[in-house]
Amino acid sequence: MTSLGYARVSTLSQTLDQQEDALKAAGVERIYSDRMSGTRDDRPGLLALLDYARAGDTVTVVALDRLGRSLTGIIRTVDDLQSRGIVLRSLREGVDYSTAVGKMVAAIFGALAEYERTLILERASAARDAAKKRGKPLGPARKFTDRQAATALQMRRDGRSIAEIMGMLKVSRATVYRVFDQAEQAEALQEASRA
């Protein structure tokens, strides 16, 4: 009987440390992990865990939503584990899913996770629609201003090197080249419109 654990974060910039610490504190011997969205079914860490786990083993997660974002996906994983005689525990909810009450709670928490995800998507969609109606640009705020772009272009005309421009404006090489490319495209459009 092995105590297994599963940890997941959605992006590469997030860390697994907190989940791994909690799983180790709960006595987990072997931890599998993924750095990808819970909506994906091809998570290698989860697939390896499911392949390794045997009847009598215990699989522990920090929270039920680590198994997936959709109610269907979570229930499918829980059902798979239970049908194979593998016990599932969730630390946050404090529930052992091998019991009848645990199965009921698993369904409730799965539904809440799906509901929360739906709300996030609806809010994001509404915010995008509102921004479009107001003519506001979508995506992250621009970090490089038009004034900085004009300064970069003038510095280049004055014969400054890319390294000097990067150092003075405190931007990456890619940003400097993007400004130059955008300026060239704008000049090409102006010339085409004159012809």
N, C-alpha and C. Protein backbone atom coordinates (compact mmCIF):
# COMPACT_ATOMS: atom_id res chain seq x y z
N MET A 1 0.86 -1.19 0.00
CA MET A 1 0.00 0.00 0.00
C MET A 1 0.89 1.24 0.00
N THR A 2 0.76 2.04 -1.07
CA THR A 2 1.61 3.21 -1.25
C THR A 2 0.77 4.47 -1.14
N SER A 3 1.37 5.49 -0.52
CA SER A 3 0.71 6.79 -0.41
C SER A 3 1.24 7.68 -1.52
N LEU A 4 0.37 7.96 -2.49
CA LEU A 4 0.73 8.75 -3.66
C LEU A 4 0.09 10.13 -3.57
N GLY A 5 0.68 11.09 -4.26
CA GLY A 5 0.11 12.43 -4.27
C GLY A 5 0.15 13.02 -5.66
N TYR A 6 -0.74 13.97 -5.89
CA TYR A 6 -0.78 14.66 -7.18
C TYR A 6 -0.90 16.16 -6.93
N ALA A 7 -0.03 16.93 -7.62
CA ALA A 7 -0.06 18.39 -7.53
C ALA A 7 -0.12 18.94 -8.94
N ARG A 8 -0.84 20.06 -9.10
CA ARG A 8 -0.95 20.68 -10.42
C ARG A 8 -1.08 22.18 -10.30
N VAL A 9 -0.37 22.88 -11.18
CA VAL A 9 -0.57 24.31 -11.37
C VAL A 9 -0.88 24.52 -12.84
N SER A 10 -1.52 25.63 -13.16
CA SER A 10 -2.00 25.84 -14.54
C SER A 10 -0.96 26.43 -15.48
N THR A 11 0.01 27.17 -14.95
CA THR A 11 0.98 27.83 -15.82
C THR A 11 2.40 27.56 -15.35
N LEU A 12 3.34 27.77 -16.25
CA LEU A 12 4.75 27.55 -15.93
C LEU A 12 5.27 28.56 -14.92
N SER A 13 4.62 29.72 -14.81
CA SER A 13 5.09 30.73 -13.87
C SER A 13 4.66 30.44 -12.43
N GLN A 14 3.70 29.54 -12.24
CA GLN A 14 3.26 29.19 -10.90
C GLN A 14 4.16 28.11 -10.32
N THR A 15 4.18 28.01 -9.00
CA THR A 15 5.05 27.04 -8.33
C THR A 15 4.24 25.92 -7.68
N LEU A 16 4.84 24.75 -7.65
CA LEU A 16 4.21 23.57 -7.02
C LEU A 16 4.60 23.44 -5.55
N ASP A 17 5.49 24.29 -5.07
CA ASP A 17 6.08 24.14 -3.74
C ASP A 17 5.05 23.97 -2.63
N GLN A 18 4.05 24.84 -2.59
CA GLN A 18 3.06 24.80 -1.51
C GLN A 18 2.31 23.48 -1.50
N GLN A 19 1.89 23.03 -2.68
CA GLN A 19 1.16 21.76 -2.75
C GLN A 19 2.05 20.59 -2.35
N GLU A 20 3.29 20.59 -2.85
CA GLU A 20 4.21 19.49 -2.53
C GLU A 20 4.50 19.45 -1.03
N ASP A 21 4.68 20.62 -0.40
CA ASP A 21 4.92 20.66 1.05
C ASP A 21 3.73 20.08 1.81
N ALA A 22 2.52 20.45 1.40
CA ALA A 22 1.31 19.95 2.07
C ALA A 22 1.18 18.43 1.91
N LEU A 23 1.49 17.93 0.71
CA LEU A 23 1.39 16.50 0.47
C LEU A 23 2.42 15.73 1.29
N LYS A 24 3.64 16.25 1.37
CA LYS A 24 4.69 15.60 2.17
C LYS A 24 4.29 15.59 3.65
N ALA A 25 3.73 16.71 4.12
CA ALA A 25 3.29 16.79 5.52
C ALA A 25 2.17 15.79 5.81
N ALA A 26 1.41 15.42 4.77
CA ALA A 26 0.31 14.46 4.94
C ALA A 26 0.81 13.01 4.81
N GLY A 27 2.13 12.85 4.66
CA GLY A 27 2.69 11.50 4.61
C GLY A 27 2.78 10.88 3.23
N VAL A 28 2.63 11.68 2.20
CA VAL A 28 2.72 11.16 0.83
C VAL A 28 4.16 10.76 0.53
N GLU A 29 4.32 9.56 -0.02
CA GLU A 29 5.65 9.04 -0.31
C GLU A 29 6.13 9.40 -1.71
N ARG A 30 5.22 9.46 -2.65
CA ARG A 30 5.59 9.67 -4.06
C ARG A 30 4.63 10.69 -4.66
N ILE A 31 5.19 11.78 -5.21
CA ILE A 31 4.35 12.86 -5.74
C ILE A 31 4.52 12.96 -7.26
N TYR A 32 3.39 13.05 -7.94
CA TYR A 32 3.34 13.28 -9.38
C TYR A 32 2.82 14.70 -9.57
N SER A 33 3.25 15.36 -10.64
CA SER A 33 2.80 16.74 -10.83
C SER A 33 2.72 17.11 -12.30
N ASP A 34 1.96 18.19 -12.55
CA ASP A 34 1.82 18.76 -13.89
C ASP A 34 1.82 20.27 -13.79
N ARG A 35 2.30 20.89 -14.86
CA ARG A 35 2.22 22.35 -15.00
C ARG A 35 1.43 22.63 -16.26
N MET A 36 0.12 22.45 -16.17
CA MET A 36 -0.76 22.68 -17.31
C MET A 36 -2.20 22.77 -16.83
N SER A 37 -3.05 23.27 -17.69
CA SER A 37 -4.46 23.47 -17.35
C SER A 37 -5.14 22.16 -16.97
N GLY A 38 -6.03 22.26 -16.01
CA GLY A 38 -6.81 21.10 -15.58
C GLY A 38 -7.87 20.70 -16.59
N THR A 39 -8.07 21.51 -17.62
CA THR A 39 -9.06 21.16 -18.64
C THR A 39 -8.50 20.14 -19.62
N ARG A 40 -7.18 19.96 -19.61
CA ARG A 40 -6.56 19.02 -20.55
C ARG A 40 -6.59 17.61 -19.99
N ASP A 41 -6.86 16.65 -20.88
CA ASP A 41 -6.90 15.24 -20.49
C ASP A 41 -5.55 14.55 -20.68
N ASP A 42 -4.59 15.24 -21.29
CA ASP A 42 -3.31 14.61 -21.60
C ASP A 42 -2.20 15.03 -20.63
N ARG A 43 -2.55 15.22 -19.36
CA ARG A 43 -1.56 15.63 -18.37
C ARG A 43 -0.65 14.45 -18.02
N PRO A 44 0.63 14.51 -18.37
CA PRO A 44 1.52 13.36 -18.18
C PRO A 44 1.68 12.93 -16.72
N GLY A 45 1.72 13.90 -15.79
CA GLY A 45 1.87 13.55 -14.39
C GLY A 45 0.68 12.75 -13.87
N LEU A 46 -0.53 13.21 -14.20
CA LEU A 46 -1.73 12.51 -13.77
C LEU A 46 -1.82 11.13 -14.43
N LEU A 47 -1.50 11.07 -15.71
CA LEU A 47 -1.54 9.78 -16.41
C LEU A 47 -0.54 8.79 -15.80
N ALA A 48 0.66 9.28 -15.44
CA ALA A 48 1.66 8.41 -14.81
C ALA A 48 1.17 7.93 -13.44
N LEU A 49 0.54 8.82 -12.68
CA LEU A 49 -0.02 8.45 -11.38
C LEU A 49 -1.08 7.37 -11.55
N LEU A 50 -2.01 7.59 -12.46
CA LEU A 50 -3.09 6.63 -12.68
C LEU A 50 -2.54 5.28 -13.16
N ASP A 51 -1.47 5.32 -13.93
CA ASP A 51 -0.85 4.08 -14.41
C ASP A 51 -0.15 3.33 -13.28
N TYR A 52 0.47 4.07 -12.37
CA TYR A 52 1.25 3.47 -11.28
C TYR A 52 0.38 2.95 -10.14
N ALA A 53 -0.71 3.66 -9.83
CA ALA A 53 -1.54 3.34 -8.65
C ALA A 53 -2.15 1.95 -8.75
N ARG A 54 -2.17 1.26 -7.61
CA ARG A 54 -2.72 -0.10 -7.52
C ARG A 54 -3.76 -0.16 -6.39
N ALA A 55 -4.57 -1.21 -6.42
CA ALA A 55 -5.59 -1.41 -5.37
C ALA A 55 -4.92 -1.35 -4.01
N GLY A 56 -5.55 -0.62 -3.10
CA GLY A 56 -5.02 -0.46 -1.74
C GLY A 56 -4.19 0.79 -1.56
N ASP A 57 -3.74 1.40 -2.67
CA ASP A 57 -2.98 2.65 -2.58
C ASP A 57 -3.92 3.80 -2.23
N THR A 58 -3.32 4.88 -1.73
CA THR A 58 -4.07 6.10 -1.44
C THR A 58 -3.50 7.23 -2.29
N VAL A 59 -4.38 7.95 -2.97
CA VAL A 59 -3.98 9.12 -3.75
C VAL A 59 -4.49 10.35 -3.01
N THR A 60 -3.57 11.27 -2.71
CA THR A 60 -3.92 12.48 -1.98
C THR A 60 -3.69 13.70 -2.86
N VAL A 61 -4.65 14.62 -2.83
CA VAL A 61 -4.53 15.91 -3.51
C VAL A 61 -4.77 17.02 -2.49
N VAL A 62 -4.21 18.17 -2.75
CA VAL A 62 -4.42 19.31 -1.84
C VAL A 62 -5.87 19.76 -1.91
N ALA A 63 -6.43 19.77 -3.11
CA ALA A 63 -7.83 20.15 -3.31
C ALA A 63 -8.36 19.40 -4.52
N LEU A 64 -9.63 19.18 -4.52
CA LEU A 64 -10.28 18.41 -5.58
C LEU A 64 -10.07 19.03 -6.96
N ASP A 65 -10.02 20.35 -7.03
CA ASP A 65 -9.88 21.00 -8.34
C ASP A 65 -8.51 20.76 -8.97
N ARG A 66 -7.56 20.18 -8.23
CA ARG A 66 -6.26 19.84 -8.82
C ARG A 66 -6.40 18.69 -9.82
N LEU A 67 -7.45 17.87 -9.63
CA LEU A 67 -7.67 16.74 -10.54
C LEU A 67 -8.22 17.19 -11.88
N GLY A 68 -8.86 18.34 -11.93
CA GLY A 68 -9.42 18.83 -13.18
C GLY A 68 -10.34 20.00 -12.95
N ARG A 69 -10.72 20.64 -14.05
CA ARG A 69 -11.60 21.80 -13.96
C ARG A 69 -13.06 21.47 -14.21
N SER A 70 -13.32 20.39 -14.92
CA SER A 70 -14.72 20.09 -15.21
C SER A 70 -15.24 19.01 -14.28
N LEU A 71 -16.50 19.10 -13.97
CA LEU A 71 -17.14 18.11 -13.10
C LEU A 71 -17.02 16.73 -13.72
N THR A 72 -17.20 16.65 -15.02
CA THR A 72 -17.12 15.37 -15.70
C THR A 72 -15.74 14.75 -15.55
N GLY A 73 -14.69 15.56 -15.75
CA GLY A 73 -13.33 15.06 -15.63
C GLY A 73 -12.99 14.60 -14.23
N ILE A 74 -13.42 15.38 -13.23
CA ILE A 74 -13.14 15.01 -11.83
C ILE A 74 -13.87 13.72 -11.48
N ILE A 75 -15.15 13.65 -11.83
CA ILE A 75 -15.93 12.45 -11.51
C ILE A 75 -15.35 11.22 -12.20
N ARG A 76 -14.91 11.41 -13.45
CA ARG A 76 -14.32 10.28 -14.19
C ARG A 76 -13.07 9.77 -13.47
N THR A 77 -12.23 10.69 -12.99
CA THR A 77 -11.00 10.29 -12.28
C THR A 77 -11.34 9.62 -10.96
N VAL A 78 -12.28 10.21 -10.21
CA VAL A 78 -12.69 9.63 -8.93
C VAL A 78 -13.27 8.24 -9.14
N ASP A 79 -14.15 8.10 -10.14
CA ASP A 79 -14.74 6.79 -10.43
C ASP A 79 -13.68 5.76 -10.81
N ASP A 80 -12.71 6.19 -11.63
CA ASP A 80 -11.64 5.29 -12.05
C ASP A 80 -10.86 4.79 -10.83
N LEU A 81 -10.49 5.71 -9.94
CA LEU A 81 -9.75 5.32 -8.75
C LEU A 81 -10.56 4.38 -7.87
N GLN A 82 -11.81 4.72 -7.64
CA GLN A 82 -12.65 3.91 -6.75
C GLN A 82 -12.91 2.53 -7.33
N SER A 83 -13.12 2.45 -8.65
CA SER A 83 -13.40 1.14 -9.27
C SER A 83 -12.18 0.23 -9.19
N ARG A 84 -10.99 0.83 -9.07
CA ARG A 84 -9.76 0.04 -8.97
C ARG A 84 -9.34 -0.20 -7.52
N GLY A 85 -10.17 0.24 -6.57
CA GLY A 85 -9.86 0.02 -5.15
C GLY A 85 -8.80 0.96 -4.61
N ILE A 86 -8.69 2.12 -5.22
CA ILE A 86 -7.72 3.13 -4.79
C ILE A 86 -8.46 4.23 -4.04
N VAL A 87 -7.97 4.57 -2.87
CA VAL A 87 -8.62 5.57 -2.01
C VAL A 87 -8.15 6.96 -2.41
N LEU A 88 -9.08 7.91 -2.49
CA LEU A 88 -8.75 9.29 -2.80
C LEU A 88 -9.02 10.15 -1.57
N ARG A 89 -8.03 10.99 -1.24
CA ARG A 89 -8.19 11.94 -0.13
C ARG A 89 -7.93 13.35 -0.63
N SER A 90 -8.71 14.30 -0.12
CA SER A 90 -8.49 15.70 -0.45
C SER A 90 -8.24 16.46 0.84
N LEU A 91 -7.08 17.10 0.95
CA LEU A 91 -6.69 17.77 2.19
C LEU A 91 -7.54 18.99 2.50
N ARG A 92 -7.78 19.84 1.52
CA ARG A 92 -8.52 21.08 1.77
C ARG A 92 -9.94 20.79 2.26
N GLU A 93 -10.59 19.86 1.58
CA GLU A 93 -11.97 19.54 1.95
C GLU A 93 -12.02 18.60 3.15
N GLY A 94 -10.89 17.98 3.51
CA GLY A 94 -10.84 17.08 4.66
C GLY A 94 -11.73 15.86 4.48
N VAL A 95 -11.77 15.34 3.26
CA VAL A 95 -12.70 14.25 2.97
C VAL A 95 -11.94 13.05 2.43
N ASP A 96 -12.37 11.88 2.87
CA ASP A 96 -11.85 10.61 2.37
C ASP A 96 -12.93 10.08 1.42
N TYR A 97 -12.60 10.05 0.13
CA TYR A 97 -13.61 9.73 -0.88
C TYR A 97 -13.94 8.25 -1.00
N SER A 98 -13.43 7.44 -0.07
CA SER A 98 -13.80 6.02 -0.10
C SER A 98 -15.12 5.78 0.62
N THR A 99 -15.60 6.78 1.36
CA THR A 99 -16.86 6.63 2.09
C THR A 99 -18.03 7.17 1.27
N ALA A 100 -19.24 6.81 1.64
CA ALA A 100 -20.44 7.29 0.94
C ALA A 100 -20.53 8.81 1.03
N VAL A 101 -20.25 9.36 2.21
CA VAL A 101 -20.28 10.81 2.38
C VAL A 101 -19.20 11.45 1.52
N GLY A 102 -18.05 10.82 1.46
CA GLY A 102 -16.96 11.33 0.64
C GLY A 102 -17.33 11.40 -0.82
N LYS A 103 -18.03 10.38 -1.32
CA LYS A 103 -18.46 10.38 -2.72
C LYS A 103 -19.43 11.54 -2.99
N MET A 104 -20.33 11.77 -2.04
CA MET A 104 -21.28 12.86 -2.20
C MET A 104 -20.55 14.21 -2.19
N VAL A 105 -19.62 14.37 -1.27
CA VAL A 105 -18.87 15.63 -1.18
C VAL A 105 -18.02 15.83 -2.43
N ALA A 106 -17.47 14.75 -2.98
CA ALA A 106 -16.68 14.86 -4.21
C ALA A 106 -17.53 15.45 -5.33
N ALA A 107 -18.75 14.99 -5.45
CA ALA A 107 -19.64 15.51 -6.50
C ALA A 107 -19.96 16.98 -6.26
N ILE A 108 -20.19 17.35 -5.01
CA ILE A 108 -20.52 18.75 -4.68
C ILE A 108 -19.34 19.67 -4.99
N PHE A 109 -18.14 19.29 -4.51
CA PHE A 109 -16.97 20.13 -4.75
C PHE A 109 -16.61 20.19 -6.23
N GLY A 110 -16.81 19.11 -6.94
CA GLY A 110 -16.58 19.12 -8.38
C GLY A 110 -17.51 20.09 -9.07
N ALA A 111 -18.78 20.09 -8.65
CA ALA A 111 -19.76 21.01 -9.24
C ALA A 111 -19.38 22.46 -8.93
N LEU A 112 -18.91 22.71 -7.73
CA LEU A 112 -18.50 24.07 -7.36
C LEU A 112 -17.29 24.53 -8.17
N ALA A 113 -16.33 23.62 -8.38
CA ALA A 113 -15.16 23.97 -9.18
C ALA A 113 -15.56 24.32 -10.61
N GLU A 114 -16.47 23.55 -11.18
CA GLU A 114 -16.93 23.82 -12.54
C GLU A 114 -17.71 25.15 -12.58
N TYR A 115 -18.54 25.39 -11.57
CA TYR A 115 -19.30 26.63 -11.49
C TYR A 115 -18.36 27.84 -11.40
N GLU A 116 -17.32 27.72 -10.58
CA GLU A 116 -16.36 28.81 -10.44
C GLU A 116 -15.66 29.09 -11.76
N ARG A 117 -15.25 28.05 -12.46
CA ARG A 117 -14.58 28.21 -13.75
C ARG A 117 -15.51 28.89 -14.76
N THR A 118 -16.78 28.49 -14.77
CA THR A 118 -17.76 29.10 -15.67
C THR A 118 -17.92 30.59 -15.37
N LEU A 119 -17.98 30.93 -14.09
CA LEU A 119 -18.10 32.35 -13.71
C LEU A 119 -16.89 33.15 -14.17
N ILE A 120 -15.70 32.59 -14.01
CA ILE A 120 -14.48 33.29 -14.44
C ILE A 120 -14.52 33.55 -15.94
N LEU A 121 -14.90 32.53 -16.70
CA LEU A 121 -14.98 32.69 -18.16
C LEU A 121 -16.03 33.71 -18.56
N GLU A 122 -17.19 33.70 -17.88
CA GLU A 122 -18.25 34.66 -18.18
C GLU A 122 -17.80 36.09 -17.87
N ARG A 123 -17.13 36.27 -16.72
CA ARG A 123 -16.64 37.61 -16.36
C ARG A 123 -15.60 38.11 -17.36
N ALA A 124 -14.70 37.21 -17.76
CA ALA A 124 -13.67 37.60 -18.73
C ALA A 124 -14.30 37.97 -20.07
N SER A 125 -15.29 37.21 -20.49
CA SER A 125 -15.98 37.50 -21.75
C SER A 125 -16.71 38.84 -21.68
N ALA A 126 -17.38 39.10 -20.56
CA ALA A 126 -18.09 40.37 -20.39
C ALA A 126 -17.11 41.54 -20.39
N ALA A 127 -15.96 41.37 -19.75
CA ALA A 127 -14.96 42.44 -19.72
C ALA A 127 -14.41 42.71 -21.11
N ARG A 128 -14.17 41.64 -21.90
CA ARG A 128 -13.69 41.82 -23.28
C ARG A 128 -14.72 42.57 -24.12
N ASP A 129 -15.99 42.18 -23.99
CA ASP A 129 -17.06 42.83 -24.75
C ASP A 129 -17.17 44.31 -24.39
N ALA A 130 -17.09 44.62 -23.09
CA ALA A 130 -17.18 46.01 -22.64
C ALA A 130 -16.00 46.82 -23.17
N ALA A 131 -14.80 46.23 -23.17
CA ALA A 131 -13.62 46.93 -23.68
C ALA A 131 -13.75 47.18 -25.18
N LYS A 132 -14.25 46.19 -25.91
CA LYS A 132 -14.43 46.35 -27.36
C LYS A 132 -15.39 47.50 -27.66
N LYS A 133 -16.52 47.55 -26.93
CA LYS A 133 -17.52 48.59 -27.15
C LYS A 133 -16.94 49.98 -26.91
N ARG A 134 -16.00 50.08 -25.99
CA ARG A 134 -15.39 51.37 -25.66
C ARG A 134 -14.15 51.65 -26.50
N GLY A 135 -13.80 50.72 -27.38
CA GLY A 135 -12.64 50.92 -28.24
C GLY A 135 -11.32 50.76 -27.52
N LYS A 136 -11.32 50.12 -26.37
CA LYS A 136 -10.09 49.92 -25.61
C LYS A 136 -9.35 48.69 -26.14
N PRO A 137 -8.03 48.75 -26.11
CA PRO A 137 -7.26 47.60 -26.59
C PRO A 137 -7.43 46.40 -25.65
N LEU A 138 -7.43 45.23 -26.25
CA LEU A 138 -7.54 44.00 -25.46
C LEU A 138 -6.15 43.50 -25.14
N GLY A 139 -6.04 42.71 -24.09
CA GLY A 139 -4.75 42.14 -23.71
C GLY A 139 -4.08 42.95 -22.62
N PRO A 140 -2.87 42.54 -22.27
CA PRO A 140 -2.17 43.23 -21.18
C PRO A 140 -1.83 44.67 -21.57
N ALA A 141 -1.69 45.50 -20.56
CA ALA A 141 -1.36 46.90 -20.79
C ALA A 141 0.00 47.01 -21.47
N ARG A 142 0.10 47.97 -22.36
CA ARG A 142 1.36 48.20 -23.06
C ARG A 142 2.38 48.77 -22.11
N LYS A 143 3.58 48.20 -22.11
CA LYS A 143 4.61 48.65 -21.19
C LYS A 143 5.55 49.66 -21.85
N PHE A 144 5.54 49.69 -23.16
CA PHE A 144 6.42 50.56 -23.92
C PHE A 144 5.58 51.65 -24.55
N THR A 145 5.77 52.88 -24.15
CA THR A 145 4.91 53.97 -24.60
C THR A 145 5.30 54.47 -25.99
N ASP A 146 4.40 55.24 -26.60
CA ASP A 146 4.68 55.84 -27.91
C ASP A 146 5.87 56.79 -27.82
N ARG A 147 5.98 57.47 -26.70
CA ARG A 147 7.10 58.41 -26.49
C ARG A 147 8.43 57.65 -26.46
N GLN A 148 8.43 56.49 -25.77
CA GLN A 148 9.65 55.68 -25.73
C GLN A 148 9.98 55.14 -27.12
N ALA A 149 8.96 54.77 -27.88
CA ALA A 149 9.18 54.28 -29.24
C ALA A 149 9.80 55.37 -30.10
N ALA A 150 9.30 56.60 -29.98
CA ALA A 150 9.85 57.72 -30.74
C ALA A 150 11.30 57.97 -30.34
N THR A 151 11.59 57.86 -29.06
CA THR A 151 12.96 58.04 -28.58
C THR A 151 13.88 56.96 -29.15
N ALA A 152 13.41 55.71 -29.17
CA ALA A 152 14.20 54.61 -29.72
C ALA A 152 14.50 54.86 -31.19
N LEU A 153 13.49 55.29 -31.95
CA LEU A 153 13.68 55.56 -33.37
C LEU A 153 14.67 56.71 -33.60
N GLN A 154 14.56 57.75 -32.78
CA GLN A 154 15.47 58.89 -32.93
C GLN A 154 16.90 58.48 -32.57
N MET A 155 17.05 57.67 -31.53
CA MET A 155 18.38 57.19 -31.14
C MET A 155 19.00 56.37 -32.26
N ARG A 156 18.19 55.57 -32.94
CA ARG A 156 18.70 54.75 -34.03
C ARG A 156 19.13 55.64 -35.20
N ARG A 157 18.33 56.67 -35.48
CA ARG A 157 18.69 57.61 -36.55
C ARG A 157 20.00 58.35 -36.22
N ASP A 158 20.21 58.55 -34.92
CA ASP A 158 21.44 59.24 -34.48
C ASP A 158 22.65 58.31 -34.46
N GLY A 159 22.43 57.05 -34.85
CA GLY A 159 23.55 56.12 -34.95
C GLY A 159 23.83 55.33 -33.69
N ARG A 160 22.92 55.37 -32.72
CA ARG A 160 23.13 54.60 -31.49
C ARG A 160 22.95 53.11 -31.76
N SER A 161 23.67 52.28 -31.01
CA SER A 161 23.57 50.83 -31.18
C SER A 161 22.31 50.30 -30.48
N ILE A 162 21.94 49.09 -30.85
CA ILE A 162 20.79 48.45 -30.21
C ILE A 162 21.04 48.32 -28.71
N ALA A 163 22.27 47.95 -28.34
CA ALA A 163 22.61 47.78 -26.92
C ALA A 163 22.44 49.10 -26.15
N GLU A 164 22.84 50.20 -26.78
CA GLU A 164 22.69 51.51 -26.13
C GLU A 164 21.20 51.85 -25.93
N ILE A 165 20.42 51.58 -26.97
CA ILE A 165 18.98 51.87 -26.89
C ILE A 165 18.34 51.02 -25.80
N MET A 166 18.69 49.73 -25.77
CA MET A 166 18.15 48.84 -24.74
C MET A 166 18.50 49.35 -23.34
N GLY A 167 19.77 49.73 -23.16
CA GLY A 167 20.23 50.20 -21.85
C GLY A 167 19.57 51.48 -21.42
N MET A 168 19.44 52.41 -22.34
CA MET A 168 18.85 53.72 -22.01
C MET A 168 17.37 53.60 -21.68
N LEU A 169 16.65 52.80 -22.47
CA LEU A 169 15.20 52.68 -22.27
C LEU A 169 14.80 51.52 -21.36
N LYS A 170 15.80 50.71 -20.98
CA LYS A 170 15.55 49.56 -20.10
C LYS A 170 14.48 48.62 -20.66
N VAL A 171 14.72 48.20 -21.91
CA VAL A 171 13.82 47.27 -22.59
C VAL A 171 14.64 46.15 -23.21
N SER A 172 13.96 45.11 -23.63
CA SER A 172 14.64 43.97 -24.24
C SER A 172 14.97 44.25 -25.71
N ARG A 173 15.87 43.43 -26.23
CA ARG A 173 16.24 43.51 -27.64
C ARG A 173 15.01 43.29 -28.53
N ALA A 174 14.16 42.33 -28.13
CA ALA A 174 12.95 42.02 -28.91
C ALA A 174 12.04 43.24 -28.99
N THR A 175 11.91 43.98 -27.90
CA THR A 175 11.06 45.17 -27.89
C THR A 175 11.60 46.23 -28.85
N VAL A 176 12.92 46.43 -28.83
CA VAL A 176 13.53 47.43 -29.72
C VAL A 176 13.29 47.04 -31.18
N TYR A 177 13.53 45.78 -31.51
CA TYR A 177 13.31 45.34 -32.89
C TYR A 177 11.83 45.42 -33.29
N ARG A 178 10.94 45.15 -32.35
CA ARG A 178 9.50 45.24 -32.64
C ARG A 178 9.14 46.69 -32.98
N VAL A 179 9.70 47.66 -32.25
CA VAL A 179 9.44 49.07 -32.53
C VAL A 179 9.93 49.42 -33.93
N PHE A 180 11.13 48.96 -34.27
CA PHE A 180 11.67 49.25 -35.60
C PHE A 180 10.81 48.61 -36.70
N ASP A 181 10.38 47.37 -36.48
CA ASP A 181 9.53 46.68 -37.46
C ASP A 181 8.21 47.42 -37.66
N GLN A 182 7.61 47.86 -36.55
CA GLN A 182 6.34 48.57 -36.64
C GLN A 182 6.52 49.89 -37.38
N ALA A 183 7.64 50.57 -37.15
CA ALA A 183 7.91 51.84 -37.84
C ALA A 183 8.09 51.60 -39.34
N GLU A 184 8.80 50.53 -39.70
CA GLU A 184 8.99 50.21 -41.12
C GLU A 184 7.66 49.88 -41.79
N GLN A 185 6.82 49.13 -41.10
CA GLN A 185 5.50 48.78 -41.66
C GLN A 185 4.65 50.03 -41.86
N ALA A 186 4.70 50.94 -40.89
CA ALA A 186 3.92 52.18 -41.00
C ALA A 186 4.41 53.01 -42.19
N GLU A 187 5.74 53.09 -42.39
CA GLU A 187 6.30 53.84 -43.51
C GLU A 187 5.90 53.20 -44.84
N ALA A 188 5.91 51.86 -44.88
CA ALA A 188 5.53 51.15 -46.11
C ALA A 188 4.07 51.42 -46.45
N LEU A 189 3.20 51.45 -45.45
CA LEU A 189 1.78 51.74 -45.68
C LEU A 189 1.58 53.16 -46.19
N GLN A 190 2.34 54.10 -45.63
CA GLN A 190 2.23 55.49 -46.08
C GLN A 190 2.66 55.63 -47.52
N GLU A 191 3.76 54.95 -47.87
CA GLU A 191 4.25 55.02 -49.25
C GLU A 191 3.25 54.38 -50.21
N ALA A 192 2.66 53.27 -49.79
CA ALA A 192 1.67 52.58 -50.64
C ALA A 192 0.43 53.45 -50.84
N SER A 193 0.03 54.19 -49.82
CA SER A 193 -1.17 55.02 -49.93
C SER A 193 -0.91 56.23 -50.82
N ARG A 194 0.35 56.68 -50.91
CA ARG A 194 0.69 57.82 -51.78
C ARG A 194 0.72 57.42 -53.26
N ALA A 195 1.04 56.15 -53.49
CA ALA A 195 1.19 55.69 -54.89
C ALA A 195 -0.13 55.55 -55.61
